[in-house]
Every structure is written in structure tokens, then in C-alpha cells.
């Protein structure tokens, strides 16, 4: 429950990303670099990185903060996927 409280403010950023259709925008711009069969799409990965930074992360591997709370953030790409 402490992770729920510490990440509660991220719901505003998540709502904003959804409101501007961030995933679709990223898909339009970056899908050429990602296989069509990829599980984690560009918008989902970049959105998760933005949330990680907003939560105080300083590097891409800090995304594990989100991975530790799947009930809030869903499936988060692995470090290897993000680095690609």
C-alpha cells in the first residue's frame, strides 16, 4: 500500500498522456523502428519512461519502480527491451 501512495501522483501524468493520445503519436512516429509483432509498443515504453522520470528516476533502469507495481502500471517492458 505504500507503493500505491508514493505513485498516486503519477495518475495525473498518466491521464495527461492518455488525453493527448501519446501512444498513438509515438506509434505514428516510431513504429518503423519496431517490429509489428513487438509486445511493448513505442508509446507504452516512452510513456513508462516519462512516468519513471516523474517518480524520481534518473536513468532508464529506474523503470523497475513501475515494474514493482503492476497493479498500477500494468506490464512494463524489461530493461533489455527498453535499451533497444
PDB file of N, CA and C in Angstrom:
ATOM      1  N   UNK A   1       0.813  -1.201   0.000  1.00  0.00           N
ATOM      2  CA  UNK A   1       0.000   0.000   0.000  1.00  0.00           C
ATOM      3  C   UNK A   1       0.854   1.261   0.000  1.00  0.00           C
ATOM      4  N   UNK A   2       2.079   1.184   0.528  1.00  0.00           N
ATOM      5  CA  UNK A   2       2.942   2.362   0.489  1.00  0.00           C
ATOM      6  C   UNK A   2       3.293   2.717  -0.954  1.00  0.00           C
ATOM      7  N   UNK A   3       3.501   1.707  -1.813  1.00  0.00           N
ATOM      8  CA  UNK A   3       3.795   1.998  -3.213  1.00  0.00           C
ATOM      9  C   UNK A   3       2.598   2.658  -3.886  1.00  0.00           C
ATOM     10  N   UNK A   4       1.380   2.299  -3.462  1.00  0.00           N
ATOM     11  CA  UNK A   4       0.198   2.955  -4.011  1.00  0.00           C
ATOM     12  C   UNK A   4       0.195   4.433  -3.677  1.00  0.00           C
ATOM     13  N   UNK A   5       0.548   4.772  -2.469  1.00  0.00           N
ATOM     14  CA  UNK A   5       0.569   6.180  -2.044  1.00  0.00           C
ATOM     15  C   UNK A   5       1.687   6.932  -2.745  1.00  0.00           C
ATOM     16  N   UNK A   6       2.881   6.338  -2.820  1.00  0.00           N
ATOM     17  CA  UNK A   6       4.011   7.046  -3.402  1.00  0.00           C
ATOM     18  C   UNK A   6       3.850   7.281  -4.904  1.00  0.00           C
ATOM     19  N   UNK A   7       3.049   6.466  -5.570  1.00  0.00           N
ATOM     20  CA  UNK A   7       2.854   6.625  -7.002  1.00  0.00           C
ATOM     21  C   UNK A   7       1.504   7.253  -7.364  1.00  0.00           C
ATOM     22  N   UNK A   8       0.745   7.674  -6.381  1.00  0.00           N
ATOM     23  CA  UNK A   8      -0.589   8.214  -6.641  1.00  0.00           C
ATOM     24  C   UNK A   8      -0.547   9.435  -7.540  1.00  0.00           C
ATOM     25  N   UNK A   9       0.452  10.292  -7.379  1.00  0.00           N
ATOM     26  CA  UNK A   9       0.560  11.498  -8.200  1.00  0.00           C
ATOM     27  C   UNK A   9       0.824  11.211  -9.664  1.00  0.00           C
ATOM     28  N   UNK A  10       1.302  10.033  -9.960  1.00  0.00           N
ATOM     29  CA  UNK A  10       1.591   9.689 -11.351  1.00  0.00           C
ATOM     30  C   UNK A  10       0.316   9.481 -12.163  1.00  0.00           C
ATOM     31  N   UNK A  11      -0.811   9.324 -11.489  1.00  0.00           N
ATOM     32  CA  UNK A  11      -2.065   9.139 -12.215  1.00  0.00           C
ATOM     33  C   UNK A  11      -2.419  10.389 -13.022  1.00  0.00           C
ATOM     34  N   UNK A  12      -2.015  11.564 -12.544  1.00  0.00           N
ATOM     35  CA  UNK A  12      -2.269  12.804 -13.292  1.00  0.00           C
ATOM     36  C   UNK A  12      -1.488  12.789 -14.601  1.00  0.00           C
ATOM     37  N   UNK A  13      -0.218  12.403 -14.529  1.00  0.00           N
ATOM     38  CA  UNK A  13       0.594  12.322 -15.742  1.00  0.00           C
ATOM     39  C   UNK A  13       0.052  11.258 -16.686  1.00  0.00           C
ATOM     40  N   UNK A  14      -0.354  10.135 -16.148  1.00  0.00           N
ATOM     41  CA  UNK A  14      -0.937   9.073 -16.966  1.00  0.00           C
ATOM     42  C   UNK A  14      -2.187   9.580 -17.675  1.00  0.00           C
ATOM     43  N   UNK A  15      -3.028  10.309 -16.962  1.00  0.00           N
ATOM     44  CA  UNK A  15      -4.246  10.871 -17.558  1.00  0.00           C
ATOM     45  C   UNK A  15      -3.912  11.854 -18.670  1.00  0.00           C
ATOM     46  N   UNK A  16      -2.881  12.660 -18.457  1.00  0.00           N
ATOM     47  CA  UNK A  16      -2.452  13.619 -19.471  1.00  0.00           C
ATOM     48  C   UNK A  16      -1.959  12.889 -20.729  1.00  0.00           C
ATOM     49  N   UNK A  17      -1.115  11.874 -20.538  1.00  0.00           N
ATOM     50  CA  UNK A  17      -0.603  11.122 -21.685  1.00  0.00           C
ATOM     51  C   UNK A  17      -1.746  10.471 -22.459  1.00  0.00           C
ATOM     52  N   UNK A  18      -2.742   9.989 -21.737  1.00  0.00           N
ATOM     53  CA  UNK A  18      -3.915   9.406 -22.400  1.00  0.00           C
ATOM     54  C   UNK A  18      -4.721  10.470 -23.125  1.00  0.00           C
ATOM     55  N   UNK A  19      -4.862  11.643 -22.521  1.00  0.00           N
ATOM     56  CA  UNK A  19      -5.663  12.719 -23.113  1.00  0.00           C
ATOM     57  C   UNK A  19      -5.062  13.220 -24.432  1.00  0.00           C
ATOM     58  N   UNK A  20      -3.745  13.271 -24.513  1.00  0.00           N
ATOM     59  CA  UNK A  20      -3.105  13.737 -25.748  1.00  0.00           C
ATOM     60  C   UNK A  20      -2.821  12.583 -26.721  1.00  0.00           C
ATOM     61  N   UNK A  21      -3.282  11.398 -26.369  1.00  0.00           N
ATOM     62  CA  UNK A  21      -3.119  10.195 -27.193  1.00  0.00           C
ATOM     63  C   UNK A  21      -1.646   9.951 -27.520  1.00  0.00           C
ATOM     64  N   UNK A  22      -0.839  10.011 -26.470  1.00  0.00           N
ATOM     65  CA  UNK A  22       0.607   9.877 -26.585  1.00  0.00           C
ATOM     66  C   UNK A  22       1.022   8.572 -27.260  1.00  0.00           C
ATOM     67  N   UNK A  23       0.355   7.491 -26.937  1.00  0.00           N
ATOM     68  CA  UNK A  23       0.720   6.192 -27.535  1.00  0.00           C
ATOM     69  C   UNK A  23       0.549   6.211 -29.046  1.00  0.00           C
ATOM     70  N   UNK A  24      -0.555   6.763 -29.522  1.00  0.00           N
ATOM     71  CA  UNK A  24      -0.791   6.824 -30.964  1.00  0.00           C
ATOM     72  C   UNK A  24       0.237   7.724 -31.637  1.00  0.00           C
ATOM     73  N   UNK A  25       0.531   8.854 -31.025  1.00  0.00           N
ATOM     74  CA  UNK A  25       1.530   9.771 -31.571  1.00  0.00           C
ATOM     75  C   UNK A  25       2.879   9.057 -31.718  1.00  0.00           C
ATOM     76  N   UNK A  26       3.298   8.352 -30.683  1.00  0.00           N
ATOM     77  CA  UNK A  26       4.568   7.614 -30.731  1.00  0.00           C
ATOM     78  C   UNK A  26       4.518   6.499 -31.764  1.00  0.00           C
ATOM     79  N   UNK A  27       3.389   5.837 -31.854  1.00  0.00           N
ATOM     80  CA  UNK A  27       3.246   4.766 -32.838  1.00  0.00           C
ATOM     81  C   UNK A  27       3.396   5.340 -34.246  1.00  0.00           C
ATOM     82  N   UNK A  28       2.785   6.491 -34.494  1.00  0.00           N
ATOM     83  CA  UNK A  28       2.901   7.139 -35.801  1.00  0.00           C
ATOM     84  C   UNK A  28       4.344   7.488 -36.139  1.00  0.00           C
ATOM     85  N   UNK A  29       5.087   7.942 -35.144  1.00  0.00           N
ATOM     86  CA  UNK A  29       6.451   8.429 -35.383  1.00  0.00           C
ATOM     87  C   UNK A  29       7.528   7.348 -35.325  1.00  0.00           C
ATOM     88  N   UNK A  30       7.333   6.327 -34.486  1.00  0.00           N
ATOM     89  CA  UNK A  30       8.409   5.379 -34.227  1.00  0.00           C
ATOM     90  C   UNK A  30       8.137   3.939 -34.640  1.00  0.00           C
ATOM     91  N   UNK A  31       6.962   3.626 -35.147  1.00  0.00           N
ATOM     92  CA  UNK A  31       6.636   2.230 -35.452  1.00  0.00           C
ATOM     93  C   UNK A  31       7.556   1.641 -36.513  1.00  0.00           C
ATOM     94  N   UNK A  32       8.134   2.468 -37.363  1.00  0.00           N
ATOM     95  CA  UNK A  32       9.035   1.953 -38.400  1.00  0.00           C
ATOM     96  C   UNK A  32      10.294   1.322 -37.809  1.00  0.00           C
ATOM     97  N   UNK A  33      10.604   1.661 -36.568  1.00  0.00           N
ATOM     98  CA  UNK A  33      11.801   1.141 -35.918  1.00  0.00           C
ATOM     99  C   UNK A  33      11.535  -0.084 -35.041  1.00  0.00           C
ATOM    100  N   UNK A  34      10.269  -0.478 -34.957  1.00  0.00           N
ATOM    101  CA  UNK A  34       9.865  -1.557 -34.054  1.00  0.00           C
ATOM    102  C   UNK A  34       9.137  -2.628 -34.862  1.00  0.00           C
ATOM    103  N   UNK A  35       9.480  -3.901 -34.676  1.00  0.00           N
ATOM    104  CA  UNK A  35       8.757  -4.962 -35.391  1.00  0.00           C
ATOM    105  C   UNK A  35       7.258  -4.914 -35.080  1.00  0.00           C
ATOM    106  N   UNK A  36       6.455  -5.185 -36.063  1.00  0.00           N
ATOM    107  CA  UNK A  36       5.000  -5.136 -35.892  1.00  0.00           C
ATOM    108  C   UNK A  36       4.512  -6.095 -34.817  1.00  0.00           C
ATOM    109  N   UNK A  37       5.261  -7.156 -34.568  1.00  0.00           N
ATOM    110  CA  UNK A  37       4.852  -8.160 -33.589  1.00  0.00           C
ATOM    111  C   UNK A  37       5.365  -7.870 -32.175  1.00  0.00           C
ATOM    112  N   UNK A  38       6.045  -6.752 -31.983  1.00  0.00           N
ATOM    113  CA  UNK A  38       6.596  -6.418 -30.665  1.00  0.00           C
ATOM    114  C   UNK A  38       5.475  -6.276 -29.642  1.00  0.00           C
ATOM    115  N   UNK A  39       5.661  -6.853 -28.485  1.00  0.00           N
ATOM    116  CA  UNK A  39       4.662  -6.780 -27.417  1.00  0.00           C
ATOM    117  C   UNK A  39       4.565  -5.374 -26.844  1.00  0.00           C
ATOM    118  N   UNK A  40       5.707  -4.773 -26.576  1.00  0.00           N
ATOM    119  CA  UNK A  40       5.733  -3.428 -25.992  1.00  0.00           C
ATOM    120  C   UNK A  40       5.958  -2.416 -27.114  1.00  0.00           C
ATOM    121  N   UNK A  41       4.953  -1.596 -27.340  1.00  0.00           N
ATOM    122  CA  UNK A  41       4.974  -0.629 -28.428  1.00  0.00           C
ATOM    123  C   UNK A  41       5.685   0.652 -27.982  1.00  0.00           C
ATOM    124  N   UNK A  42       6.135   1.481 -28.936  1.00  0.00           N
ATOM    125  CA  UNK A  42       6.902   2.688 -28.602  1.00  0.00           C
ATOM    126  C   UNK A  42       6.205   3.615 -27.603  1.00  0.00           C
ATOM    127  N   UNK A  43       4.928   3.860 -27.776  1.00  0.00           N
ATOM    128  CA  UNK A  43       4.214   4.762 -26.871  1.00  0.00           C
ATOM    129  C   UNK A  43       4.155   4.256 -25.448  1.00  0.00           C
ATOM    130  N   UNK A  44       3.990   2.967 -25.294  1.00  0.00           N
ATOM    131  CA  UNK A  44       3.950   2.360 -23.954  1.00  0.00           C
ATOM    132  C   UNK A  44       5.314   2.486 -23.283  1.00  0.00           C
ATOM    133  N   UNK A  45       6.377   2.224 -24.034  1.00  0.00           N
ATOM    134  CA  UNK A  45       7.728   2.306 -23.475  1.00  0.00           C
ATOM    135  C   UNK A  45       8.083   3.751 -23.125  1.00  0.00           C
ATOM    136  N   UNK A  46       7.856   4.676 -24.048  1.00  0.00           N
ATOM    137  CA  UNK A  46       8.200   6.080 -23.784  1.00  0.00           C
ATOM    138  C   UNK A  46       7.327   6.672 -22.676  1.00  0.00           C
ATOM    139  N   UNK A  47       6.070   6.266 -22.623  1.00  0.00           N
ATOM    140  CA  UNK A  47       5.202   6.716 -21.540  1.00  0.00           C
ATOM    141  C   UNK A  47       5.692   6.213 -20.190  1.00  0.00           C
ATOM    142  N   UNK A  48       6.115   4.955 -20.144  1.00  0.00           N
ATOM    143  CA  UNK A  48       6.644   4.387 -18.898  1.00  0.00           C
ATOM    144  C   UNK A  48       7.927   5.097 -18.481  1.00  0.00           C
ATOM    145  N   UNK A  49       8.771   5.437 -19.453  1.00  0.00           N
ATOM    146  CA  UNK A  49       9.999   6.182 -19.124  1.00  0.00           C
ATOM    147  C   UNK A  49       9.659   7.565 -18.564  1.00  0.00           C
ATOM    148  N   UNK A  50       8.657   8.220 -19.129  1.00  0.00           N
ATOM    149  CA  UNK A  50       8.231   9.530 -18.611  1.00  0.00           C
ATOM    150  C   UNK A  50       7.721   9.398 -17.177  1.00  0.00           C
ATOM    151  N   UNK A  51       6.937   8.369 -16.904  1.00  0.00           N
ATOM    152  CA  UNK A  51       6.445   8.144 -15.548  1.00  0.00           C
ATOM    153  C   UNK A  51       7.595   7.863 -14.589  1.00  0.00           C
ATOM    154  N   UNK A  52       8.571   7.088 -15.056  1.00  0.00           N
ATOM    155  CA  UNK A  52       9.726   6.775 -14.224  1.00  0.00           C
ATOM    156  C   UNK A  52      10.500   8.040 -13.851  1.00  0.00           C
ATOM    157  N   UNK A  53      10.689   8.927 -14.818  1.00  0.00           N
ATOM    158  CA  UNK A  53      11.368  10.203 -14.536  1.00  0.00           C
ATOM    159  C   UNK A  53      10.557  11.045 -13.550  1.00  0.00           C
ATOM    160  N   UNK A  54       9.248  11.082 -13.755  1.00  0.00           N
ATOM    161  CA  UNK A  54       8.383  11.858 -12.860  1.00  0.00           C
ATOM    162  C   UNK A  54       8.404  11.297 -11.438  1.00  0.00           C
ATOM    163  N   UNK A  55       8.657   9.993 -11.313  1.00  0.00           N
ATOM    164  CA  UNK A  55       8.708   9.351  -9.991  1.00  0.00           C
ATOM    165  C   UNK A  55      10.078   9.504  -9.339  1.00  0.00           C
ATOM    166  N   UNK A  56      10.987  10.206 -10.024  1.00  0.00           N
ATOM    167  CA  UNK A  56      12.304  10.442  -9.441  1.00  0.00           C
ATOM    168  C   UNK A  56      13.419   9.611 -10.043  1.00  0.00           C
ATOM    169  N   UNK A  57      13.100   8.835 -11.056  1.00  0.00           N
ATOM    170  CA  UNK A  57      14.129   8.039 -11.716  1.00  0.00           C
ATOM    171  C   UNK A  57      15.138   8.932 -12.417  1.00  0.00           C
ATOM    172  N   UNK A  58      16.352   8.447 -12.496  1.00  0.00           N
ATOM    173  CA  UNK A  58      17.414   9.226 -13.139  1.00  0.00           C
ATOM    174  C   UNK A  58      17.978   8.556 -14.382  1.00  0.00           C
ATOM    175  N   UNK A  59      17.670   7.292 -14.578  1.00  0.00           N
ATOM    176  CA  UNK A  59      18.151   6.567 -15.751  1.00  0.00           C
ATOM    177  C   UNK A  59      17.119   5.529 -16.146  1.00  0.00           C
ATOM    178  N   UNK A  60      17.282   4.977 -17.339  1.00  0.00           N
ATOM    179  CA  UNK A  60      16.283   4.052 -17.871  1.00  0.00           C
ATOM    180  C   UNK A  60      16.038   2.853 -16.963  1.00  0.00           C
ATOM    181  N   UNK A  61      17.069   2.375 -16.289  1.00  0.00           N
ATOM    182  CA  UNK A  61      16.887   1.200 -15.434  1.00  0.00           C
ATOM    183  C   UNK A  61      16.050   1.496 -14.190  1.00  0.00           C
ATOM    184  N   UNK A  62      15.808   2.749 -13.904  1.00  0.00           N
ATOM    185  CA  UNK A  62      14.952   3.101 -12.771  1.00  0.00           C
ATOM    186  C   UNK A  62      13.485   2.800 -13.047  1.00  0.00           C
ATOM    187  N   UNK A  63      13.192   2.338 -14.240  1.00  0.00           N
ATOM    188  CA  UNK A  63      11.826   1.968 -14.584  1.00  0.00           C
ATOM    189  C   UNK A  63      11.342   0.785 -13.758  1.00  0.00           C
ATOM    190  N   UNK A  64      12.279   0.106 -13.082  1.00  0.00           N
ATOM    191  CA  UNK A  64      11.885  -1.009 -12.226  1.00  0.00           C
ATOM    192  C   UNK A  64      10.940  -0.559 -11.109  1.00  0.00           C
ATOM    193  N   UNK A  65      10.907   0.743 -10.803  1.00  0.00           N
ATOM    194  CA  UNK A  65       9.933   1.284  -9.843  1.00  0.00           C
ATOM    195  C   UNK A  65       8.513   0.983 -10.312  1.00  0.00           C
ATOM    196  N   UNK A  66       8.289   1.129 -11.609  1.00  0.00           N
ATOM    197  CA  UNK A  66       6.965   0.872 -12.173  1.00  0.00           C
ATOM    198  C   UNK A  66       6.698  -0.627 -12.266  1.00  0.00           C
ATOM    199  N   UNK A  67       7.725  -1.363 -12.605  1.00  0.00           N
ATOM    200  CA  UNK A  67       7.588  -2.818 -12.731  1.00  0.00           C
ATOM    201  C   UNK A  67       7.210  -3.439 -11.389  1.00  0.00           C
ATOM    202  N   UNK A  68       7.601  -2.801 -10.300  1.00  0.00           N
ATOM    203  CA  UNK A  68       7.305  -3.316  -8.959  1.00  0.00           C
ATOM    204  C   UNK A  68       5.842  -3.101  -8.556  1.00  0.00           C
ATOM    205  N   UNK A  69       5.100  -2.334  -9.341  1.00  0.00           N
ATOM    206  CA  UNK A  69       3.694  -2.067  -9.025  1.00  0.00           C
ATOM    207  C   UNK A  69       2.810  -2.359 -10.241  1.00  0.00           C
ATOM    208  N   UNK A  70       2.733  -3.625 -10.668  1.00  0.00           N
ATOM    209  CA  UNK A  70       1.958  -3.948 -11.872  1.00  0.00           C
ATOM    210  C   UNK A  70       0.463  -3.650 -11.726  1.00  0.00           C
ATOM    211  N   UNK A  71      -0.036  -3.628 -10.493  1.00  0.00           N
ATOM    212  CA  UNK A  71      -1.453  -3.305 -10.295  1.00  0.00           C
ATOM    213  C   UNK A  71      -1.754  -1.854 -10.665  1.00  0.00           C
ATOM    214  N   UNK A  72      -0.752  -1.005 -10.667  1.00  0.00           N
ATOM    215  CA  UNK A  72      -0.928   0.397 -11.058  1.00  0.00           C
ATOM    216  C   UNK A  72      -0.513   0.664 -12.498  1.00  0.00           C
ATOM    217  N   UNK A  73       0.584   0.073 -12.928  1.00  0.00           N
ATOM    218  CA  UNK A  73       1.186   0.439 -14.207  1.00  0.00           C
ATOM    219  C   UNK A  73       1.092  -0.640 -15.271  1.00  0.00           C
ATOM    220  N   UNK A  74       0.542  -1.775 -14.914  1.00  0.00           N
ATOM    221  CA  UNK A  74       0.431  -2.854 -15.883  1.00  0.00           C
ATOM    222  C   UNK A  74       1.788  -3.442 -16.230  1.00  0.00           C
ATOM    223  N   UNK A  75       1.837  -4.063 -17.375  1.00  0.00           N
ATOM    224  CA  UNK A  75       3.061  -4.684 -17.849  1.00  0.00           C
ATOM    225  C   UNK A  75       4.059  -3.608 -18.284  1.00  0.00           C
ATOM    226  N   UNK A  76       5.268  -3.690 -17.766  1.00  0.00           N
ATOM    227  CA  UNK A  76       6.323  -2.739 -18.109  1.00  0.00           C
ATOM    228  C   UNK A  76       7.441  -3.511 -18.793  1.00  0.00           C
ATOM    229  N   UNK A  77       7.946  -2.954 -19.876  1.00  0.00           N
ATOM    230  CA  UNK A  77       8.997  -3.614 -20.654  1.00  0.00           C
ATOM    231  C   UNK A  77      10.227  -3.884 -19.800  1.00  0.00           C
ATOM    232  N   UNK A  78      10.960  -4.928 -20.170  1.00  0.00           N
ATOM    233  CA  UNK A  78      12.199  -5.253 -19.472  1.00  0.00           C
ATOM    234  C   UNK A  78      13.270  -4.217 -19.800  1.00  0.00           C
ATOM    235  N   UNK A  79      14.310  -4.205 -18.999  1.00  0.00           N
ATOM    236  CA  UNK A  79      15.430  -3.293 -19.241  1.00  0.00           C
ATOM    237  C   UNK A  79      16.040  -3.535 -20.621  1.00  0.00           C
ATOM    238  N   UNK A  80      16.128  -4.798 -21.010  1.00  0.00           N
ATOM    239  CA  UNK A  80      16.696  -5.127 -22.330  1.00  0.00           C
ATOM    240  C   UNK A  80      15.849  -4.552 -23.454  1.00  0.00           C
ATOM    241  N   UNK A  81      14.525  -4.659 -23.332  1.00  0.00           N
ATOM    242  CA  UNK A  81      13.635  -4.105 -24.357  1.00  0.00           C
ATOM    243  C   UNK A  81      13.759  -2.591 -24.416  1.00  0.00           C
ATOM    244  N   UNK A  82      13.810  -1.963 -23.281  1.00  0.00           N
ATOM    245  CA  UNK A  82      13.920  -0.507 -23.244  1.00  0.00           C
ATOM    246  C   UNK A  82      15.239  -0.032 -23.859  1.00  0.00           C
ATOM    247  N   UNK A  83      16.307  -0.753 -23.602  1.00  0.00           N
ATOM    248  CA  UNK A  83      17.597  -0.335 -24.136  1.00  0.00           C
ATOM    249  C   UNK A  83      17.673  -0.468 -25.651  1.00  0.00           C
ATOM    250  N   UNK A  84      16.867  -1.329 -26.212  1.00  0.00           N
ATOM    251  CA  UNK A  84      16.841  -1.477 -27.684  1.00  0.00           C
ATOM    252  C   UNK A  84      16.102  -0.330 -28.292  1.00  0.00           C
TER     253      UNK A  84
END
